[in-house]
Amino acid sequence: MTNEIKYFSRNANELPMIFHFLNAVMKENASNIKLLNELKLSVEEIFMNMVRHNKTTNKDIAIRIESHKNSISISLIDHEDNPFDILDTDEIDFDEYFKQKKFGGLGIHLIKKLMDDLIFDHNAGKTTIKITKYTN
C-alpha cells in the first residue's frame, strides 16, 4: 500500500506539479492511461473548484494518494468555514442544459460518473473530498 501526501498552493499554476505528483505515486498503474486520465481530470476539477470557490483562506490544499491492491483513492483536503457538499448536487438534464446553451458546471457531474466512490466530509474547519477508482 502507498500512502503519500503533498501540499499545493491555491493556484492553477500548481496543476503541472500535481500531475507530476500523481504520475510519480501511481507509477505502477502507468500502463493504464484511461485510469490515470480519469483520476487526473477528477483531481483537476476538485482542486480548481477549491481554488475558485473558497476565498476564505490562503492555506495550501493537501492531496493524499492511497494506492491499494485493487484501488486508488485520492483525497483533497481544504480549510473552509462554509463547505460545499459536492454530493448534494442534482443530476443534470442534458436536453435542458443544451437548450439553454449553458456553459460549464459539468465537472461535479463528470466526477460522479468517472469515479467508483466519492466521499465528502467536513470536520473542524477542514473539507475532505475523497475519490476512489477500482483498478480491477
Protein backbone atom coordinates (compact mmCIF):
# COMPACT_ATOMS: atom_id res chain seq x y z
CA MET A 1 0.00 0.00 0.00
CA THR A 2 1.17 3.50 -0.84
CA ASN A 3 0.12 6.48 1.25
CA GLU A 4 1.66 9.81 0.27
CA ILE A 5 0.60 13.39 0.90
CA LYS A 6 1.76 16.65 -0.60
CA TYR A 7 0.67 20.29 -0.25
CA PHE A 8 -0.06 22.70 -3.09
CA SER A 9 -0.67 26.43 -3.09
CA ARG A 10 -4.07 27.72 -4.17
CA ASN A 11 -3.12 28.46 -7.74
CA ALA A 12 -3.89 26.97 -11.15
CA ASN A 13 -0.16 27.07 -11.88
CA GLU A 14 0.21 24.15 -9.45
CA LEU A 15 -1.57 21.74 -11.83
CA PRO A 16 1.62 20.53 -13.60
CA MET A 17 3.19 19.76 -10.18
CA ILE A 18 0.03 17.98 -9.08
CA PHE A 19 0.06 15.84 -12.23
CA HIS A 20 3.76 15.09 -11.68
CA PHE A 21 2.95 14.00 -8.10
CA LEU A 22 0.11 11.76 -9.33
CA ASN A 23 2.32 10.20 -12.02
CA ALA A 24 5.17 9.57 -9.57
CA VAL A 25 2.99 7.94 -6.91
CA MET A 26 0.91 5.91 -9.37
CA LYS A 27 3.80 4.66 -11.50
CA GLU A 28 2.73 1.03 -11.02
CA ASN A 29 -0.50 1.93 -12.85
CA ALA A 30 1.27 3.90 -15.58
CA SER A 31 0.19 1.47 -18.29
CA ASN A 32 -3.48 2.15 -17.54
CA ILE A 33 -3.76 5.51 -19.33
CA LYS A 34 -7.56 5.60 -19.03
CA LEU A 35 -7.38 5.19 -15.25
CA LEU A 36 -4.70 7.87 -14.89
CA ASN A 37 -6.58 10.33 -17.10
CA GLU A 38 -9.85 9.83 -15.21
CA LEU A 39 -8.08 10.43 -11.90
CA LYS A 40 -6.21 13.47 -13.20
CA LEU A 41 -9.37 15.01 -14.64
CA SER A 42 -11.24 14.47 -11.37
CA VAL A 43 -8.40 15.85 -9.23
CA GLU A 44 -8.06 18.87 -11.50
CA GLU A 45 -11.78 19.61 -11.27
CA ILE A 46 -11.89 19.31 -7.47
CA PHE A 47 -8.66 21.29 -6.99
CA MET A 48 -9.79 24.12 -9.26
CA ASN A 49 -13.20 24.27 -7.57
CA MET A 50 -11.41 24.65 -4.22
CA VAL A 51 -9.20 27.39 -5.64
CA ARG A 52 -12.03 29.27 -7.40
CA HIS A 53 -14.80 28.98 -4.85
CA ASN A 54 -13.08 29.08 -1.45
CA LYS A 55 -11.89 32.65 -0.93
CA THR A 56 -11.91 32.39 2.89
CA THR A 57 -8.35 31.06 3.21
CA ASN A 58 -4.94 31.17 1.62
CA LYS A 59 -3.79 27.88 3.18
CA ASP A 60 -2.41 25.16 0.94
CA ILE A 61 -4.56 22.31 -0.33
CA ALA A 62 -3.37 18.84 0.65
CA ILE A 63 -3.56 15.91 -1.74
CA ARG A 64 -3.24 12.41 -0.31
CA ILE A 65 -2.88 9.36 -2.56
CA GLU A 66 -3.58 5.91 -1.21
CA SER A 67 -2.87 3.04 -3.54
CA HIS A 68 -4.15 -0.37 -2.52
CA LYS A 69 -4.03 -3.70 -4.33
CA ASN A 70 -7.36 -3.12 -6.13
CA SER A 71 -7.98 0.61 -5.82
CA ILE A 72 -6.56 4.10 -5.81
CA SER A 73 -8.02 6.77 -3.54
CA ILE A 74 -7.15 10.44 -3.72
CA SER A 75 -8.23 12.90 -1.06
CA LEU A 76 -8.15 16.67 -1.47
CA ILE A 77 -8.20 18.49 1.86
CA ASP A 78 -9.04 22.19 2.15
CA HIS A 79 -9.63 24.61 5.01
CA GLU A 80 -13.06 26.21 4.76
CA ASP A 81 -15.75 27.59 7.00
CA ASN A 82 -18.70 27.22 4.61
CA PRO A 83 -18.25 23.93 2.77
CA PHE A 84 -19.96 22.99 -0.45
CA ASP A 85 -21.00 19.33 -0.37
CA ILE A 86 -20.42 18.12 -3.93
CA LEU A 87 -22.60 15.10 -3.22
CA ASP A 88 -25.56 17.42 -2.76
CA THR A 89 -25.93 18.32 -6.43
CA ASP A 90 -28.78 17.47 -8.75
CA GLU A 91 -28.41 15.24 -11.78
CA ILE A 92 -28.15 17.21 -15.00
CA ASP A 93 -30.89 17.11 -17.62
CA PHE A 94 -28.65 17.36 -20.69
CA ASP A 95 -31.54 18.15 -23.05
CA GLU A 96 -32.42 21.19 -20.93
CA TYR A 97 -28.76 22.09 -20.42
CA PHE A 98 -28.14 22.28 -24.17
CA LYS A 99 -31.46 24.03 -24.88
CA GLN A 100 -30.40 26.81 -22.51
CA LYS A 101 -26.96 26.92 -24.18
CA LYS A 102 -25.26 26.74 -20.82
CA PHE A 103 -21.51 26.66 -20.46
CA GLY A 104 -19.63 24.92 -17.64
CA GLY A 105 -20.97 23.42 -14.46
CA LEU A 106 -20.44 19.83 -15.57
CA GLY A 107 -17.32 19.00 -13.55
CA ILE A 108 -19.01 17.55 -10.48
CA HIS A 109 -21.37 15.53 -12.67
CA LEU A 110 -18.37 14.17 -14.59
CA ILE A 111 -16.54 13.19 -11.39
CA LYS A 112 -19.61 11.30 -10.19
CA LYS A 113 -19.68 9.36 -13.47
CA LEU A 114 -15.94 8.62 -13.67
CA MET A 115 -15.24 7.58 -10.08
CA ASP A 116 -16.35 4.40 -8.36
CA ASP A 117 -16.72 6.14 -5.00
CA LEU A 118 -16.97 9.75 -3.88
CA ILE A 119 -16.96 10.82 -0.22
CA PHE A 120 -17.44 14.31 1.19
CA ASP A 121 -16.54 15.11 4.80
CA HIS A 122 -16.33 18.39 6.68
CA ASN A 123 -14.94 18.39 10.21
CA ALA A 124 -13.27 21.05 12.36
CA GLY A 125 -12.95 23.55 9.52
CA LYS A 126 -11.49 21.08 7.03
CA THR A 127 -13.22 19.67 3.98
CA THR A 128 -12.07 16.36 2.55
CA ILE A 129 -13.23 15.13 -0.82
CA LYS A 130 -12.11 11.57 -1.45
CA ILE A 131 -12.39 9.90 -4.84
CA THR A 132 -11.76 6.19 -5.41
CA LYS A 133 -11.24 4.24 -8.59
CA TYR A 134 -11.04 0.44 -8.60
CA THR A 135 -8.18 -0.92 -10.64
CA ASN A 136 -9.61 -4.41 -11.29
